[in-house]
Amino acid sequence: MNAPHATNALTKATGFGLLVLLLMVTPAWS
């Protein structure tokens, strides 16, 4: 099932020293 994506985006550091980009939308670079 290809569900539609939500409309918000969040960029966060996990607090464990690794940068993770958790994206609810699909920007051009992705």
PDB file of all heavy atoms in Angstrom:
ATOM      1  N   MET A   1       0.851  -1.185   0.000  1.00  0.00           N
ATOM      2  CA  MET A   1       0.000   0.000   0.000  1.00  0.00           C
ATOM      3  C   MET A   1       0.883   1.228   0.000  1.00  0.00           C
ATOM      4  O   MET A   1       1.702   1.409   0.895  1.00  0.00           O
ATOM      5  CB  MET A   1      -0.892  -0.004   1.255  1.00  0.00           C
ATOM      6  CG  MET A   1      -1.745   1.257   1.389  1.00  0.00           C
ATOM      7  SD  MET A   1      -2.750   1.207   2.893  1.00  0.00           S
ATOM      8  CE  MET A   1      -3.847  -0.141   2.492  1.00  0.00           C
ATOM      9  N   ASN A   2       0.767   2.031  -0.986  1.00  0.00           N
ATOM     10  CA  ASN A   2       1.543   3.257  -1.065  1.00  0.00           C
ATOM     11  C   ASN A   2       0.742   4.388  -0.448  1.00  0.00           C
ATOM     12  O   ASN A   2      -0.012   5.081  -1.117  1.00  0.00           O
ATOM     13  CB  ASN A   2       1.906   3.579  -2.515  1.00  0.00           C
ATOM     14  CG  ASN A   2       2.855   2.550  -3.070  1.00  0.00           C
ATOM     15  OD1 ASN A   2       3.776   2.129  -2.374  1.00  0.00           O
ATOM     16  ND2 ASN A   2       2.635   2.126  -4.296  1.00  0.00           N
ATOM     17  N   ALA A   3       0.866   4.533   0.876  1.00  0.00           N
ATOM     18  CA  ALA A   3       0.089   5.531   1.597  1.00  0.00           C
ATOM     19  C   ALA A   3       0.607   6.921   1.299  1.00  0.00           C
ATOM     20  O   ALA A   3       1.800   7.125   1.096  1.00  0.00           O
ATOM     21  CB  ALA A   3       0.179   5.261   3.108  1.00  0.00           C
ATOM     22  N   PRO A   4      -0.289   7.928   1.277  1.00  0.00           N
ATOM     23  CA  PRO A   4       0.167   9.311   1.081  1.00  0.00           C
ATOM     24  C   PRO A   4       0.987   9.758   2.259  1.00  0.00           C
ATOM     25  O   PRO A   4       0.752   9.339   3.392  1.00  0.00           O
ATOM     26  CB  PRO A   4      -1.144  10.093   0.987  1.00  0.00           C
ATOM     27  CG  PRO A   4      -2.157   9.238   1.679  1.00  0.00           C
ATOM     28  CD  PRO A   4      -1.742   7.824   1.430  1.00  0.00           C
ATOM     29  N   HIS A   5       1.962  10.632   2.024  1.00  0.00           N
ATOM     30  CA  HIS A   5       2.823  11.107   3.083  1.00  0.00           C
ATOM     31  C   HIS A   5       2.162  12.268   3.805  1.00  0.00           C
ATOM     32  O   HIS A   5       1.376  13.010   3.248  1.00  0.00           O
ATOM     33  CB  HIS A   5       4.173  11.565   2.518  1.00  0.00           C
ATOM     34  CG  HIS A   5       4.912  10.463   1.839  1.00  0.00           C
ATOM     35  ND1 HIS A   5       6.159  10.625   1.308  1.00  0.00           N
ATOM     36  CD2 HIS A   5       4.590   9.160   1.603  1.00  0.00           C
ATOM     37  CE1 HIS A   5       6.571   9.493   0.761  1.00  0.00           C
ATOM     38  NE2 HIS A   5       5.629   8.606   0.939  1.00  0.00           N
ATOM     39  N   ALA A   6       2.498  12.423   5.084  1.00  0.00           N
ATOM     40  CA  ALA A   6       2.003  13.557   5.842  1.00  0.00           C
ATOM     41  C   ALA A   6       2.694  14.830   5.367  1.00  0.00           C
ATOM     42  O   ALA A   6       3.634  14.785   4.568  1.00  0.00           O
ATOM     43  CB  ALA A   6       2.253  13.333   7.336  1.00  0.00           C
ATOM     44  N   THR A   7       2.273  15.963   5.890  1.00  0.00           N
ATOM     45  CA  THR A   7       2.700  17.228   5.308  1.00  0.00           C
ATOM     46  C   THR A   7       3.741  17.969   6.125  1.00  0.00           C
ATOM     47  O   THR A   7       4.117  19.075   5.784  1.00  0.00           O
ATOM     48  CB  THR A   7       1.480  18.147   5.143  1.00  0.00           C
ATOM     49  OG1 THR A   7       0.847  18.323   6.416  1.00  0.00           O
ATOM     50  CG2 THR A   7       0.503  17.562   4.150  1.00  0.00           C
ATOM     51  N   ASN A   8       4.208  17.403   7.234  1.00  0.00           N
ATOM     52  CA  ASN A   8       5.181  18.085   8.055  1.00  0.00           C
ATOM     53  C   ASN A   8       6.541  17.432   7.922  1.00  0.00           C
ATOM     54  O   ASN A   8       6.652  16.266   7.594  1.00  0.00           O
ATOM     55  CB  ASN A   8       4.765  18.059   9.535  1.00  0.00           C
ATOM     56  CG  ASN A   8       3.512  18.867   9.768  1.00  0.00           C
ATOM     57  OD1 ASN A   8       3.322  19.896   9.132  1.00  0.00           O
ATOM     58  ND2 ASN A   8       2.643  18.409  10.648  1.00  0.00           N
ATOM     59  N   ALA A   9       7.606  18.219   8.201  1.00  0.00           N
ATOM     60  CA  ALA A   9       8.959  17.676   8.154  1.00  0.00           C
ATOM     61  C   ALA A   9       9.655  17.989   9.462  1.00  0.00           C
ATOM     62  O   ALA A   9       9.432  19.025  10.072  1.00  0.00           O
ATOM     63  CB  ALA A   9       9.741  18.285   6.990  1.00  0.00           C
ATOM     64  N   LEU A  10      10.491  17.071   9.898  1.00  0.00           N
ATOM     65  CA  LEU A  10      11.240  17.261  11.123  1.00  0.00           C
ATOM     66  C   LEU A  10      12.674  16.860  10.875  1.00  0.00           C
ATOM     67  O   LEU A  10      12.934  15.768  10.395  1.00  0.00           O
ATOM     68  CB  LEU A  10      10.655  16.397  12.249  1.00  0.00           C
ATOM     69  CG  LEU A  10      11.461  16.329  13.551  1.00  0.00           C
ATOM     70  CD1 LEU A  10      11.417  17.689  14.248  1.00  0.00           C
ATOM     71  CD2 LEU A  10      10.912  15.262  14.465  1.00  0.00           C
ATOM     72  N   THR A  11      13.616  17.739  11.188  1.00  0.00           N
ATOM     73  CA  THR A  11      15.027  17.405  11.141  1.00  0.00           C
ATOM     74  C   THR A  11      15.531  17.437  12.566  1.00  0.00           C
ATOM     75  O   THR A  11      15.355  18.418  13.256  1.00  0.00           O
ATOM     76  CB  THR A  11      15.823  18.416  10.304  1.00  0.00           C
ATOM     77  OG1 THR A  11      15.288  18.432   8.986  1.00  0.00           O
ATOM     78  CG2 THR A  11      17.284  18.024  10.238  1.00  0.00           C
ATOM     79  N   LYS A  12      16.146  16.364  13.028  1.00  0.00           N
ATOM     80  CA  LYS A  12      16.531  16.322  14.427  1.00  0.00           C
ATOM     81  C   LYS A  12      17.838  15.584  14.608  1.00  0.00           C
ATOM     82  O   LYS A  12      18.208  14.714  13.826  1.00  0.00           O
ATOM     83  CB  LYS A  12      15.452  15.628  15.262  1.00  0.00           C
ATOM     84  CG  LYS A  12      15.314  14.143  14.938  1.00  0.00           C
ATOM     85  CD  LYS A  12      14.315  13.455  15.830  1.00  0.00           C
ATOM     86  CE  LYS A  12      14.315  11.969  15.503  1.00  0.00           C
ATOM     87  NZ  LYS A  12      13.415  11.155  16.225  1.00  0.00           N
ATOM     88  N   ALA A  13      18.551  15.939  15.673  1.00  0.00           N
ATOM     89  CA  ALA A  13      19.678  15.142  16.142  1.00  0.00           C
ATOM     90  C   ALA A  13      19.147  14.175  17.173  1.00  0.00           C
ATOM     91  O   ALA A  13      18.344  14.531  18.019  1.00  0.00           O
ATOM     92  CB  ALA A  13      20.740  16.043  16.759  1.00  0.00           C
ATOM     93  N   THR A  14      19.570  12.930  17.109  1.00  0.00           N
ATOM     94  CA  THR A  14      19.031  11.932  18.012  1.00  0.00           C
ATOM     95  C   THR A  14      19.519  12.095  19.428  1.00  0.00           C
ATOM     96  O   THR A  14      18.966  11.530  20.346  1.00  0.00           O
ATOM     97  CB  THR A  14      19.438  10.524  17.535  1.00  0.00           C
ATOM     98  OG1 THR A  14      20.860  10.409  17.604  1.00  0.00           O
ATOM     99  CG2 THR A  14      18.958  10.273  16.130  1.00  0.00           C
ATOM    100  N   GLY A  15      20.592  12.834  19.645  1.00  0.00           N
ATOM    101  CA  GLY A  15      21.167  12.910  20.968  1.00  0.00           C
ATOM    102  C   GLY A  15      22.215  11.842  21.196  1.00  0.00           C
ATOM    103  O   GLY A  15      22.815  11.756  22.257  1.00  0.00           O
ATOM    104  N   PHE A  16      22.457  11.001  20.214  1.00  0.00           N
ATOM    105  CA  PHE A  16      23.452   9.952  20.321  1.00  0.00           C
ATOM    106  C   PHE A  16      24.644  10.225  19.408  1.00  0.00           C
ATOM    107  O   PHE A  16      25.436   9.335  19.124  1.00  0.00           O
ATOM    108  CB  PHE A  16      22.843   8.594  19.958  1.00  0.00           C
ATOM    109  CG  PHE A  16      21.737   8.180  20.882  1.00  0.00           C
ATOM    110  CD1 PHE A  16      20.430   8.556  20.644  1.00  0.00           C
ATOM    111  CD2 PHE A  16      22.012   7.428  22.018  1.00  0.00           C
ATOM    112  CE1 PHE A  16      19.413   8.169  21.499  1.00  0.00           C
ATOM    113  CE2 PHE A  16      20.992   7.040  22.871  1.00  0.00           C
ATOM    114  CZ  PHE A  16      19.695   7.413  22.608  1.00  0.00           C
ATOM    115  N   GLY A  17      24.766  11.456  18.911  1.00  0.00           N
ATOM    116  CA  GLY A  17      25.921  11.822  18.110  1.00  0.00           C
ATOM    117  C   GLY A  17      25.760  11.552  16.633  1.00  0.00           C
ATOM    118  O   GLY A  17      26.684  11.735  15.869  1.00  0.00           O
ATOM    119  N   LEU A  18      24.591  11.096  16.208  1.00  0.00           N
ATOM    120  CA  LEU A  18      24.356  10.799  14.801  1.00  0.00           C
ATOM    121  C   LEU A  18      23.246  11.695  14.289  1.00  0.00           C
ATOM    122  O   LEU A  18      22.168  11.759  14.875  1.00  0.00           O
ATOM    123  CB  LEU A  18      23.958   9.335  14.624  1.00  0.00           C
ATOM    124  CG  LEU A  18      23.509   8.920  13.225  1.00  0.00           C
ATOM    125  CD1 LEU A  18      24.680   9.021  12.253  1.00  0.00           C
ATOM    126  CD2 LEU A  18      22.965   7.512  13.222  1.00  0.00           C
ATOM    127  N   LEU A  19      23.512  12.379  13.188  1.00  0.00           N
ATOM    128  CA  LEU A  19      22.486  13.213  12.577  1.00  0.00           C
ATOM    129  C   LEU A  19      21.581  12.336  11.726  1.00  0.00           C
ATOM    130  O   LEU A  19      22.040  11.640  10.831  1.00  0.00           O
ATOM    131  CB  LEU A  19      23.124  14.292  11.704  1.00  0.00           C
ATOM    132  CG  LEU A  19      22.147  15.184  10.941  1.00  0.00           C
ATOM    133  CD1 LEU A  19      21.322  16.011  11.910  1.00  0.00           C
ATOM    134  CD2 LEU A  19      22.887  16.081   9.968  1.00  0.00           C
ATOM    135  N   VAL A  20      20.322  12.347  12.017  1.00  0.00           N
ATOM    136  CA  VAL A  20      19.333  11.598  11.251  1.00  0.00           C
ATOM    137  C   VAL A  20      18.291  12.582  10.770  1.00  0.00           C
ATOM    138  O   VAL A  20      17.782  13.381  11.548  1.00  0.00           O
ATOM    139  CB  VAL A  20      18.657  10.510  12.109  1.00  0.00           C
ATOM    140  CG1 VAL A  20      17.588   9.785  11.290  1.00  0.00           C
ATOM    141  CG2 VAL A  20      19.677   9.512  12.615  1.00  0.00           C
ATOM    142  N   LEU A  21      17.954  12.514   9.493  1.00  0.00           N
ATOM    143  CA  LEU A  21      16.896  13.338   8.941  1.00  0.00           C
ATOM    144  C   LEU A  21      15.649  12.469   8.839  1.00  0.00           C
ATOM    145  O   LEU A  21      15.617  11.505   8.086  1.00  0.00           O
ATOM    146  CB  LEU A  21      17.289  13.865   7.563  1.00  0.00           C
ATOM    147  CG  LEU A  21      18.639  14.586   7.490  1.00  0.00           C
ATOM    148  CD1 LEU A  21      18.895  15.051   6.069  1.00  0.00           C
ATOM    149  CD2 LEU A  21      18.686  15.767   8.444  1.00  0.00           C
ATOM    150  N   LEU A  22      14.646  12.781   9.639  1.00  0.00           N
ATOM    151  CA  LEU A  22      13.389  12.041   9.638  1.00  0.00           C
ATOM    152  C   LEU A  22      12.381  12.891   8.910  1.00  0.00           C
ATOM    153  O   LEU A  22      11.954  13.922   9.408  1.00  0.00           O
ATOM    154  CB  LEU A  22      12.935  11.774  11.073  1.00  0.00           C
ATOM    155  CG  LEU A  22      11.541  11.183  11.293  1.00  0.00           C
ATOM    156  CD1 LEU A  22      11.398   9.881  10.533  1.00  0.00           C
ATOM    157  CD2 LEU A  22      11.271  11.002  12.760  1.00  0.00           C
ATOM    158  N   LEU A  23      11.967  12.462   7.712  1.00  0.00           N
ATOM    159  CA  LEU A  23      11.198  13.318   6.814  1.00  0.00           C
ATOM    160  C   LEU A  23       9.819  12.738   6.562  1.00  0.00           C
ATOM    161  O   LEU A  23       9.688  11.585   6.173  1.00  0.00           O
ATOM    162  CB  LEU A  23      11.945  13.463   5.493  1.00  0.00           C
ATOM    163  CG  LEU A  23      13.349  14.080   5.633  1.00  0.00           C
ATOM    164  CD1 LEU A  23      14.144  13.788   4.387  1.00  0.00           C
ATOM    165  CD2 LEU A  23      13.250  15.561   5.868  1.00  0.00           C
ATOM    166  N   MET A  24       8.797  13.577   6.752  1.00  0.00           N
ATOM    167  CA  MET A  24       7.438  13.173   6.444  1.00  0.00           C
ATOM    168  C   MET A  24       7.008  13.679   5.073  1.00  0.00           C
ATOM    169  O   MET A  24       5.914  13.416   4.628  1.00  0.00           O
ATOM    170  CB  MET A  24       6.472  13.714   7.497  1.00  0.00           C
ATOM    171  CG  MET A  24       6.812  13.280   8.913  1.00  0.00           C
ATOM    172  SD  MET A  24       7.117  11.539   9.048  1.00  0.00           S
ATOM    173  CE  MET A  24       8.629  11.617   9.971  1.00  0.00           C
ATOM    174  N   VAL A  25       7.865  14.479   4.441  1.00  0.00           N
ATOM    175  CA  VAL A  25       7.627  14.900   3.071  1.00  0.00           C
ATOM    176  C   VAL A  25       8.840  14.500   2.250  1.00  0.00           C
ATOM    177  O   VAL A  25       9.820  14.030   2.772  1.00  0.00           O
ATOM    178  CB  VAL A  25       7.415  16.428   2.976  1.00  0.00           C
ATOM    179  CG1 VAL A  25       6.161  16.837   3.705  1.00  0.00           C
ATOM    180  CG2 VAL A  25       8.611  17.189   3.493  1.00  0.00           C
ATOM    181  N   THR A  26       8.776  14.708   0.970  1.00  0.00           N
ATOM    182  CA  THR A  26       9.859  14.297   0.097  1.00  0.00           C
ATOM    183  C   THR A  26      10.406  15.503  -0.640  1.00  0.00           C
ATOM    184  O   THR A  26       9.928  15.854  -1.711  1.00  0.00           O
ATOM    185  CB  THR A  26       9.356  13.248  -0.923  1.00  0.00           C
ATOM    186  OG1 THR A  26       8.710  12.203  -0.199  1.00  0.00           O
ATOM    187  CG2 THR A  26      10.501  12.668  -1.721  1.00  0.00           C
ATOM    188  N   PRO A  27      11.411  16.183  -0.074  1.00  0.00           N
ATOM    189  CA  PRO A  27      11.996  17.332  -0.756  1.00  0.00           C
ATOM    190  C   PRO A  27      12.774  16.901  -1.982  1.00  0.00           C
ATOM    191  O   PRO A  27      13.053  15.726  -2.178  1.00  0.00           O
ATOM    192  CB  PRO A  27      12.934  17.919   0.307  1.00  0.00           C
ATOM    193  CG  PRO A  27      13.254  16.770   1.197  1.00  0.00           C
ATOM    194  CD  PRO A  27      12.047  15.880   1.198  1.00  0.00           C
ATOM    195  N   ALA A  28      13.160  17.883  -2.799  1.00  0.00           N
ATOM    196  CA  ALA A  28      13.782  17.569  -4.081  1.00  0.00           C
ATOM    197  C   ALA A  28      15.054  16.759  -3.930  1.00  0.00           C
ATOM    198  O   ALA A  28      15.292  15.812  -4.676  1.00  0.00           O
ATOM    199  CB  ALA A  28      14.069  18.864  -4.837  1.00  0.00           C
ATOM    200  N   TRP A  29      15.884  17.100  -2.926  1.00  0.00           N
ATOM    201  CA  TRP A  29      17.156  16.396  -2.826  1.00  0.00           C
ATOM    202  C   TRP A  29      16.982  14.929  -2.503  1.00  0.00           C
ATOM    203  O   TRP A  29      17.790  14.095  -2.895  1.00  0.00           O
ATOM    204  CB  TRP A  29      18.064  17.061  -1.785  1.00  0.00           C
ATOM    205  CG  TRP A  29      17.577  16.988  -0.371  1.00  0.00           C
ATOM    206  CD1 TRP A  29      16.960  17.976   0.326  1.00  0.00           C
ATOM    207  CD2 TRP A  29      17.653  15.874   0.521  1.00  0.00           C
ATOM    208  NE1 TRP A  29      16.638  17.562   1.601  1.00  0.00           N
ATOM    209  CE2 TRP A  29      17.067  16.279   1.746  1.00  0.00           C
ATOM    210  CE3 TRP A  29      18.157  14.586   0.411  1.00  0.00           C
ATOM    211  CZ2 TRP A  29      16.960  15.434   2.851  1.00  0.00           C
ATOM    212  CZ3 TRP A  29      18.061  13.737   1.513  1.00  0.00           C
ATOM    213  CH2 TRP A  29      17.468  14.156   2.705  1.00  0.00           C
ATOM    214  N   SER A  30      15.900  14.577  -1.768  1.00  0.00           N
ATOM    215  CA  SER A  30      15.744  13.189  -1.343  1.00  0.00           C
ATOM    216  C   SER A  30      15.411  12.273  -2.509  1.00  0.00           C
ATOM    217  O   SER A  30      15.540  11.058  -2.408  1.00  0.00           O
ATOM    218  CB  SER A  30      14.674  13.073  -0.269  1.00  0.00           C
ATOM    219  OG  SER A  30      13.397  13.290  -0.809  1.00  0.00           O
TER     220      SER A  30
END
